[in-house]
Amino acid sequence: MPTFPLLRRYALFSTLLISACGTAPVNNGSQYEVKAGDTLYSIARNHNLSVSELQRLNQLSDNTIQIGQTLAVKPNPKAASVSTPSSKPTPSKPNPAPVASKPSPAINLIWPSKGPILQNYNGGSNKGIDIGGEAGSPIYAAASGKVAYAGNGIRSYGNLLIIKHNQDYLSAYAHNQRILVKEGDIIKQGQQVAEMGSSGSNKVKLHFELRFKGKAINPKPFLAQ
């Protein structure tokens, strides 16, 4: 496994996965310092903002944030323009019609393990699917891609493997007994990449997640039936 600083690993992981950990208290009423496990989504949610509002406040071009970075979480009142009594009211313009969000483009996945499903995706307490099996059972890459992370820096995920498939999709494989690939490796669909285990868990299982632009989505519709 490559030996680059642990903080860099946390920063990478936090931009790839939305952590289940809560966001730490704000530094003050208008700023927040990014902690390990934070994402734009979690910070925006905890400060009653949308992700786009948070990006606009901090002039961010994407969702990338770094541990220790200070973010504005309230508009600067000095930036607001104040109308004088003699100012004429500006005619209001109709709001443009909302643009419907496009569905996630398809990605073809194979099942990463042949065991029974222990728990399905629900979007809340479980952001993936849990697959049971025996310790040492093979774990396969659900799709071709490049290993973006291989390590155990996030305790609740145990030995964790993340494969980036393209600019939009990545898959995560948690609680492994052993990871058989390293960061930077090019992976083929169906290649064995790990062995099932119970690291970071109280039972042997594979926790499998599919992420689209960093957001967990239900992997089942994309898995070969």
C-alpha atoms as a PDB file:
ATOM      1  CA  MET A   1       0.000   0.000   0.000  1.00  0.00           C
ATOM      2  CA  PRO A   2       1.384   3.461  -0.851  1.00  0.00           C
ATOM      3  CA  THR A   3       2.551   5.393   2.174  1.00  0.00           C
ATOM      4  CA  PHE A   4       1.259   8.917   1.825  1.00  0.00           C
ATOM      5  CA  PRO A   5       0.117  10.929   4.870  1.00  0.00           C
ATOM      6  CA  LEU A   6      -3.024   9.815   6.706  1.00  0.00           C
ATOM      7  CA  LEU A   7      -4.568  13.283   6.448  1.00  0.00           C
ATOM      8  CA  ARG A   8      -4.411  13.036   2.685  1.00  0.00           C
ATOM      9  CA  ARG A   9      -6.218   9.698   2.922  1.00  0.00           C
ATOM     10  CA  TYR A  10      -8.966  11.259   5.046  1.00  0.00           C
ATOM     11  CA  ALA A  11      -9.294  14.185   2.617  1.00  0.00           C
ATOM     12  CA  LEU A  12      -9.581  11.816  -0.332  1.00  0.00           C
ATOM     13  CA  PHE A  13     -12.098   9.588   1.413  1.00  0.00           C
ATOM     14  CA  SER A  14     -14.277  12.498   2.554  1.00  0.00           C
ATOM     15  CA  THR A  15     -14.593  13.763  -1.021  1.00  0.00           C
ATOM     16  CA  LEU A  16     -15.524  10.290  -2.260  1.00  0.00           C
ATOM     17  CA  LEU A  17     -17.993   9.164   0.411  1.00  0.00           C
ATOM     18  CA  ILE A  18     -20.545  11.013   2.513  1.00  0.00           C
ATOM     19  CA  SER A  19     -19.552   9.970   5.993  1.00  0.00           C
ATOM     20  CA  ALA A  20     -22.126   8.761   8.493  1.00  0.00           C
ATOM     21  CA  CYS A  21     -20.413  10.814  11.193  1.00  0.00           C
ATOM     22  CA  GLY A  22     -22.090  14.042  12.329  1.00  0.00           C
ATOM     23  CA  THR A  23     -20.633  17.444  11.542  1.00  0.00           C
ATOM     24  CA  ALA A  24     -18.741  19.151  14.371  1.00  0.00           C
ATOM     25  CA  PRO A  25     -20.082  22.429  15.835  1.00  0.00           C
ATOM     26  CA  VAL A  26     -19.438  25.611  13.908  1.00  0.00           C
ATOM     27  CA  ASN A  27     -16.502  27.799  14.881  1.00  0.00           C
ATOM     28  CA  ASN A  28     -18.792  30.805  15.040  1.00  0.00           C
ATOM     29  CA  GLY A  29     -22.039  32.006  13.541  1.00  0.00           C
ATOM     30  CA  SER A  30     -20.731  32.563  10.031  1.00  0.00           C
ATOM     31  CA  GLN A  31     -17.768  30.212   9.469  1.00  0.00           C
ATOM     32  CA  TYR A  32     -17.058  26.506   9.791  1.00  0.00           C
ATOM     33  CA  GLU A  33     -13.755  24.599   9.809  1.00  0.00           C
ATOM     34  CA  VAL A  34     -13.823  21.347   7.808  1.00  0.00           C
ATOM     35  CA  LYS A  35     -13.237  18.196   9.886  1.00  0.00           C
ATOM     36  CA  ALA A  36     -12.385  14.627   8.851  1.00  0.00           C
ATOM     37  CA  GLY A  37     -15.472  12.952   7.406  1.00  0.00           C
ATOM     38  CA  ASP A  38     -17.189  16.210   6.358  1.00  0.00           C
ATOM     39  CA  THR A  39     -18.616  16.713   2.883  1.00  0.00           C
ATOM     40  CA  LEU A  40     -20.297  19.715   1.282  1.00  0.00           C
ATOM     41  CA  TYR A  41     -23.591  17.845   1.617  1.00  0.00           C
ATOM     42  CA  SER A  42     -23.289  17.253   5.385  1.00  0.00           C
ATOM     43  CA  ILE A  43     -22.036  20.804   6.076  1.00  0.00           C
ATOM     44  CA  ALA A  44     -24.800  22.380   3.966  1.00  0.00           C
ATOM     45  CA  ARG A  45     -27.468  20.238   5.616  1.00  0.00           C
ATOM     46  CA  ASN A  46     -26.309  21.122   9.144  1.00  0.00           C
ATOM     47  CA  HIS A  47     -26.391  24.849   8.329  1.00  0.00           C
ATOM     48  CA  ASN A  48     -29.737  24.838   6.497  1.00  0.00           C
ATOM     49  CA  LEU A  49     -28.128  25.482   3.122  1.00  0.00           C
ATOM     50  CA  SER A  50     -28.240  23.728  -0.213  1.00  0.00           C
ATOM     51  CA  VAL A  51     -24.973  22.456  -1.678  1.00  0.00           C
ATOM     52  CA  SER A  52     -25.218  25.039  -4.476  1.00  0.00           C
ATOM     53  CA  GLU A  53     -25.672  27.857  -1.907  1.00  0.00           C
ATOM     54  CA  LEU A  54     -22.627  26.668   0.020  1.00  0.00           C
ATOM     55  CA  GLN A  55     -20.596  26.467  -3.197  1.00  0.00           C
ATOM     56  CA  ARG A  56     -21.706  29.990  -4.168  1.00  0.00           C
ATOM     57  CA  LEU A  57     -20.835  31.440  -0.748  1.00  0.00           C
ATOM     58  CA  ASN A  58     -17.312  30.028  -1.007  1.00  0.00           C
ATOM     59  CA  GLN A  59     -16.813  30.351  -4.792  1.00  0.00           C
ATOM     60  CA  LEU A  60     -16.235  26.588  -5.120  1.00  0.00           C
ATOM     61  CA  SER A  61     -16.182  25.122  -8.604  1.00  0.00           C
ATOM     62  CA  ASP A  62     -16.735  21.531  -7.422  1.00  0.00           C
ATOM     63  CA  ASN A  63     -17.374  19.451  -4.284  1.00  0.00           C
ATOM     64  CA  THR A  64     -13.724  19.181  -3.242  1.00  0.00           C
ATOM     65  CA  ILE A  65     -12.928  20.378   0.295  1.00  0.00           C
ATOM     66  CA  GLN A  66      -9.919  19.866   2.545  1.00  0.00           C
ATOM     67  CA  ILE A  67      -9.569  19.171   6.275  1.00  0.00           C
ATOM     68  CA  GLY A  68      -8.863  22.458   8.093  1.00  0.00           C
ATOM     69  CA  GLN A  69     -10.410  24.582   5.331  1.00  0.00           C
ATOM     70  CA  THR A  70     -12.623  27.425   6.605  1.00  0.00           C
ATOM     71  CA  LEU A  71     -15.977  27.781   4.871  1.00  0.00           C
ATOM     72  CA  ALA A  72     -18.481  30.620   5.055  1.00  0.00           C
ATOM     73  CA  VAL A  73     -21.869  29.270   6.133  1.00  0.00           C
ATOM     74  CA  LYS A  74     -23.757  32.588   6.257  1.00  0.00           C
ATOM     75  CA  PRO A  75     -23.883  35.423   3.700  1.00  0.00           C
ATOM     76  CA  ASN A  76     -21.732  38.465   4.454  1.00  0.00           C
ATOM     77  CA  PRO A  77     -24.209  41.236   5.388  1.00  0.00           C
ATOM     78  CA  LYS A  78     -21.781  43.845   4.038  1.00  0.00           C
ATOM     79  CA  ALA A  79     -22.153  42.319   0.595  1.00  0.00           C
ATOM     80  CA  ALA A  80     -25.887  43.018   0.524  1.00  0.00           C
ATOM     81  CA  SER A  81     -26.899  46.177  -1.269  1.00  0.00           C
ATOM     82  CA  VAL A  82     -29.005  48.700   0.676  1.00  0.00           C
ATOM     83  CA  SER A  83     -31.674  50.703  -1.151  1.00  0.00           C
ATOM     84  CA  THR A  84     -32.028  54.408  -0.370  1.00  0.00           C
ATOM     85  CA  PRO A  85     -35.516  55.973   0.104  1.00  0.00           C
ATOM     86  CA  SER A  86     -35.268  57.646  -3.311  1.00  0.00           C
ATOM     87  CA  SER A  87     -34.467  54.393  -5.069  1.00  0.00           C
ATOM     88  CA  LYS A  88     -37.115  53.150  -7.439  1.00  0.00           C
ATOM     89  CA  PRO A  89     -38.224  49.598  -6.920  1.00  0.00           C
ATOM     90  CA  THR A  90     -36.835  47.215  -9.478  1.00  0.00           C
ATOM     91  CA  PRO A  91     -39.525  45.267 -11.291  1.00  0.00           C
ATOM     92  CA  SER A  92     -39.370  41.652 -10.257  1.00  0.00           C
ATOM     93  CA  LYS A  93     -38.578  39.131 -12.938  1.00  0.00           C
ATOM     94  CA  PRO A  94     -40.360  35.817 -13.063  1.00  0.00           C
ATOM     95  CA  ASN A  95     -38.289  32.961 -11.739  1.00  0.00           C
ATOM     96  CA  PRO A  96     -37.147  30.580 -14.444  1.00  0.00           C
ATOM     97  CA  ALA A  97     -38.828  27.217 -14.487  1.00  0.00           C
ATOM     98  CA  PRO A  98     -36.887  24.623 -12.526  1.00  0.00           C
ATOM     99  CA  VAL A  99     -34.792  22.296 -14.620  1.00  0.00           C
ATOM    100  CA  ALA A 100     -35.631  18.667 -14.053  1.00  0.00           C
ATOM    101  CA  SER A 101     -32.658  16.666 -12.844  1.00  0.00           C
ATOM    102  CA  LYS A 102     -31.492  14.030 -15.264  1.00  0.00           C
ATOM    103  CA  PRO A 103     -31.492  10.421 -14.109  1.00  0.00           C
ATOM    104  CA  SER A 104     -28.137   8.841 -13.386  1.00  0.00           C
ATOM    105  CA  PRO A 105     -26.698   7.361 -16.583  1.00  0.00           C
ATOM    106  CA  ALA A 106     -26.456   3.593 -16.472  1.00  0.00           C
ATOM    107  CA  ILE A 107     -23.416   1.621 -15.379  1.00  0.00           C
ATOM    108  CA  ASN A 108     -23.334  -2.148 -15.747  1.00  0.00           C
ATOM    109  CA  LEU A 109     -22.240  -3.934 -12.590  1.00  0.00           C
ATOM    110  CA  ILE A 110     -21.720  -7.550 -11.632  1.00  0.00           C
ATOM    111  CA  TRP A 111     -22.310  -8.803  -8.102  1.00  0.00           C
ATOM    112  CA  PRO A 112     -19.138  -8.340  -6.037  1.00  0.00           C
ATOM    113  CA  SER A 113     -19.911 -11.451  -3.957  1.00  0.00           C
ATOM    114  CA  LYS A 114     -22.148 -14.502  -4.261  1.00  0.00           C
ATOM    115  CA  GLY A 115     -23.385 -14.523  -0.669  1.00  0.00           C
ATOM    116  CA  PRO A 116     -26.881 -13.817   0.701  1.00  0.00           C
ATOM    117  CA  ILE A 117     -28.078 -10.241   1.155  1.00  0.00           C
ATOM    118  CA  LEU A 118     -28.111  -9.359   4.852  1.00  0.00           C
ATOM    119  CA  GLN A 119     -29.381  -5.791   4.504  1.00  0.00           C
ATOM    120  CA  ASN A 120     -30.583  -3.738   1.558  1.00  0.00           C
ATOM    121  CA  TYR A 121     -29.901  -0.086   0.715  1.00  0.00           C
ATOM    122  CA  ASN A 122     -32.290   2.328   2.413  1.00  0.00           C
ATOM    123  CA  GLY A 123     -30.535   5.660   1.831  1.00  0.00           C
ATOM    124  CA  GLY A 124     -30.360   6.355   5.569  1.00  0.00           C
ATOM    125  CA  SER A 125     -28.821   3.925   8.035  1.00  0.00           C
ATOM    126  CA  ASN A 126     -27.485   1.793   5.185  1.00  0.00           C
ATOM    127  CA  LYS A 127     -26.056   3.518   2.128  1.00  0.00           C
ATOM    128  CA  GLY A 128     -25.281   0.277   0.326  1.00  0.00           C
ATOM    129  CA  ILE A 129     -26.035  -3.423   0.530  1.00  0.00           C
ATOM    130  CA  ASP A 130     -24.543  -5.927   2.980  1.00  0.00           C
ATOM    131  CA  ILE A 131     -23.683  -9.354   1.599  1.00  0.00           C
ATOM    132  CA  GLY A 132     -22.920 -12.310   3.860  1.00  0.00           C
ATOM    133  CA  GLY A 133     -20.449 -15.135   3.407  1.00  0.00           C
ATOM    134  CA  GLU A 134     -17.494 -16.990   4.846  1.00  0.00           C
ATOM    135  CA  ALA A 135     -14.276 -15.308   5.932  1.00  0.00           C
ATOM    136  CA  GLY A 136     -11.857 -15.372   3.024  1.00  0.00           C
ATOM    137  CA  SER A 137     -14.596 -15.575   0.354  1.00  0.00           C
ATOM    138  CA  PRO A 138     -13.553 -13.778  -2.845  1.00  0.00           C
ATOM    139  CA  ILE A 139     -14.667 -10.180  -3.489  1.00  0.00           C
ATOM    140  CA  TYR A 140     -14.816  -9.146  -7.136  1.00  0.00           C
ATOM    141  CA  ALA A 141     -14.676  -5.720  -8.824  1.00  0.00           C
ATOM    142  CA  ALA A 142     -18.234  -4.799  -9.826  1.00  0.00           C
ATOM    143  CA  ALA A 143     -16.911  -2.856 -12.834  1.00  0.00           C
ATOM    144  CA  SER A 144     -13.597  -1.957 -14.409  1.00  0.00           C
ATOM    145  CA  GLY A 145     -11.732   1.078 -13.072  1.00  0.00           C
ATOM    146  CA  LYS A 146      -8.804   2.352 -11.039  1.00  0.00           C
ATOM    147  CA  VAL A 147      -8.141   1.807  -7.327  1.00  0.00           C
ATOM    148  CA  ALA A 148      -8.611   5.193  -5.641  1.00  0.00           C
ATOM    149  CA  TYR A 149      -8.200   4.023  -2.026  1.00  0.00           C
ATOM    150  CA  ALA A 150      -7.038   0.875  -0.263  1.00  0.00           C
ATOM    151  CA  GLY A 151      -6.568   1.090   3.496  1.00  0.00           C
ATOM    152  CA  ASN A 152      -8.119   1.143   6.954  1.00  0.00           C
ATOM    153  CA  GLY A 153      -8.118   4.867   7.792  1.00  0.00           C
ATOM    154  CA  ILE A 154     -11.889   4.906   8.470  1.00  0.00           C
ATOM    155  CA  ARG A 155     -12.509   2.630  11.453  1.00  0.00           C
ATOM    156  CA  SER A 156     -16.209   1.946  10.847  1.00  0.00           C
ATOM    157  CA  TYR A 157     -15.445   0.636   7.337  1.00  0.00           C
ATOM    158  CA  GLY A 158     -12.541  -1.597   8.368  1.00  0.00           C
ATOM    159  CA  ASN A 159     -10.268  -2.553   5.478  1.00  0.00           C
ATOM    160  CA  LEU A 160     -11.791  -0.450   2.725  1.00  0.00           C
ATOM    161  CA  LEU A 161     -11.332  -0.532  -1.043  1.00  0.00           C
ATOM    162  CA  ILE A 162     -12.640   2.178  -3.392  1.00  0.00           C
ATOM    163  CA  ILE A 163     -12.600   1.759  -7.182  1.00  0.00           C
ATOM    164  CA  LYS A 164     -13.255   4.783  -9.389  1.00  0.00           C
ATOM    165  CA  HIS A 165     -14.954   3.690 -12.597  1.00  0.00           C
ATOM    166  CA  ASN A 166     -15.271   7.052 -14.377  1.00  0.00           C
ATOM    167  CA  GLN A 167     -15.869  10.738 -13.582  1.00  0.00           C
ATOM    168  CA  ASP A 168     -19.309   9.949 -12.150  1.00  0.00           C
ATOM    169  CA  TYR A 169     -19.211   6.511 -10.560  1.00  0.00           C
ATOM    170  CA  LEU A 170     -17.200   4.756  -7.884  1.00  0.00           C
ATOM    171  CA  SER A 171     -17.807   1.621  -5.832  1.00  0.00           C
ATOM    172  CA  ALA A 172     -16.721   0.868  -2.266  1.00  0.00           C
ATOM    173  CA  TYR A 173     -16.022  -2.503  -0.627  1.00  0.00           C
ATOM    174  CA  ALA A 174     -15.781  -2.498   3.189  1.00  0.00           C
ATOM    175  CA  HIS A 175     -14.920  -4.884   6.067  1.00  0.00           C
ATOM    176  CA  ASN A 176     -12.452  -6.912   3.999  1.00  0.00           C
ATOM    177  CA  GLN A 177     -10.201  -9.498   5.619  1.00  0.00           C
ATOM    178  CA  ARG A 178      -7.510  -8.762   3.063  1.00  0.00           C
ATOM    179  CA  ILE A 179      -7.170  -6.334   0.121  1.00  0.00           C
ATOM    180  CA  LEU A 180      -5.392  -7.845  -2.868  1.00  0.00           C
ATOM    181  CA  VAL A 181      -4.771  -4.682  -4.908  1.00  0.00           C
ATOM    182  CA  LYS A 182      -3.120  -1.330  -4.242  1.00  0.00           C
ATOM    183  CA  GLU A 183      -3.891   2.302  -5.002  1.00  0.00           C
ATOM    184  CA  GLY A 184      -3.352   3.195  -8.640  1.00  0.00           C
ATOM    185  CA  ASP A 185      -3.931  -0.348  -9.938  1.00  0.00           C
ATOM    186  CA  ILE A 186      -6.094  -0.688 -13.060  1.00  0.00           C
ATOM    187  CA  ILE A 187      -8.838  -3.213 -12.369  1.00  0.00           C
ATOM    188  CA  LYS A 188     -10.938  -5.315 -14.736  1.00  0.00           C
ATOM    189  CA  GLN A 189     -14.577  -6.143 -14.068  1.00  0.00           C
ATOM    190  CA  GLY A 190     -14.800  -9.505 -12.308  1.00  0.00           C
ATOM    191  CA  GLN A 191     -11.201  -9.429 -11.058  1.00  0.00           C
ATOM    192  CA  GLN A 192     -10.791 -10.599  -7.454  1.00  0.00           C
ATOM    193  CA  VAL A 193      -9.752  -7.558  -5.434  1.00  0.00           C
ATOM    194  CA  ALA A 194     -10.227  -8.629  -1.807  1.00  0.00           C
ATOM    195  CA  GLU A 195     -11.253 -11.356   0.634  1.00  0.00           C
ATOM    196  CA  MET A 196     -14.399 -11.068   2.740  1.00  0.00           C
ATOM    197  CA  GLY A 197     -13.885 -10.417   6.436  1.00  0.00           C
ATOM    198  CA  SER A 198     -15.203  -8.678   9.529  1.00  0.00           C
ATOM    199  CA  SER A 199     -12.802  -5.733   9.938  1.00  0.00           C
ATOM    200  CA  GLY A 200     -14.689  -2.794  11.447  1.00  0.00           C
ATOM    201  CA  SER A 201     -17.777  -5.016  11.901  1.00  0.00           C
ATOM    202  CA  ASN A 202     -19.185  -7.555  14.336  1.00  0.00           C
ATOM    203  CA  LYS A 203     -19.828 -10.143  11.620  1.00  0.00           C
ATOM    204  CA  VAL A 204     -18.321 -11.414   8.396  1.00  0.00           C
ATOM    205  CA  LYS A 205     -19.836  -9.495   5.481  1.00  0.00           C
ATOM    206  CA  LEU A 206     -19.172  -7.248   2.514  1.00  0.00           C
ATOM    207  CA  HIS A 207     -20.616  -3.746   2.702  1.00  0.00           C
ATOM    208  CA  PHE A 208     -20.910  -2.629  -0.946  1.00  0.00           C
ATOM    209  CA  GLU A 209     -21.720   0.935  -1.994  1.00  0.00           C
ATOM    210  CA  LEU A 210     -22.243   2.611  -5.358  1.00  0.00           C
ATOM    211  CA  ARG A 211     -21.717   6.377  -5.549  1.00  0.00           C
ATOM    212  CA  PHE A 212     -22.816   8.758  -8.312  1.00  0.00           C
ATOM    213  CA  LYS A 213     -20.988  12.107  -8.136  1.00  0.00           C
ATOM    214  CA  GLY A 214     -20.207  11.315  -4.469  1.00  0.00           C
ATOM    215  CA  LYS A 215     -23.804  10.518  -3.486  1.00  0.00           C
ATOM    216  CA  ALA A 216     -24.782   7.010  -2.418  1.00  0.00           C
ATOM    217  CA  ILE A 217     -27.397   5.439  -4.674  1.00  0.00           C
ATOM    218  CA  ASN A 218     -29.107   2.063  -4.647  1.00  0.00           C
ATOM    219  CA  PRO A 219     -26.758  -0.310  -6.490  1.00  0.00           C
ATOM    220  CA  LYS A 220     -29.384  -3.016  -7.142  1.00  0.00           C
ATOM    221  CA  PRO A 221     -30.856  -1.539 -10.348  1.00  0.00           C
ATOM    222  CA  PHE A 222     -27.352  -1.546 -11.861  1.00  0.00           C
ATOM    223  CA  LEU A 223     -26.427  -5.096 -10.832  1.00  0.00           C
ATOM    224  CA  ALA A 224     -26.798  -7.952 -13.320  1.00  0.00           C
ATOM    225  CA  GLN A 225     -29.866 -10.017 -12.409  1.00  0.00           C
END
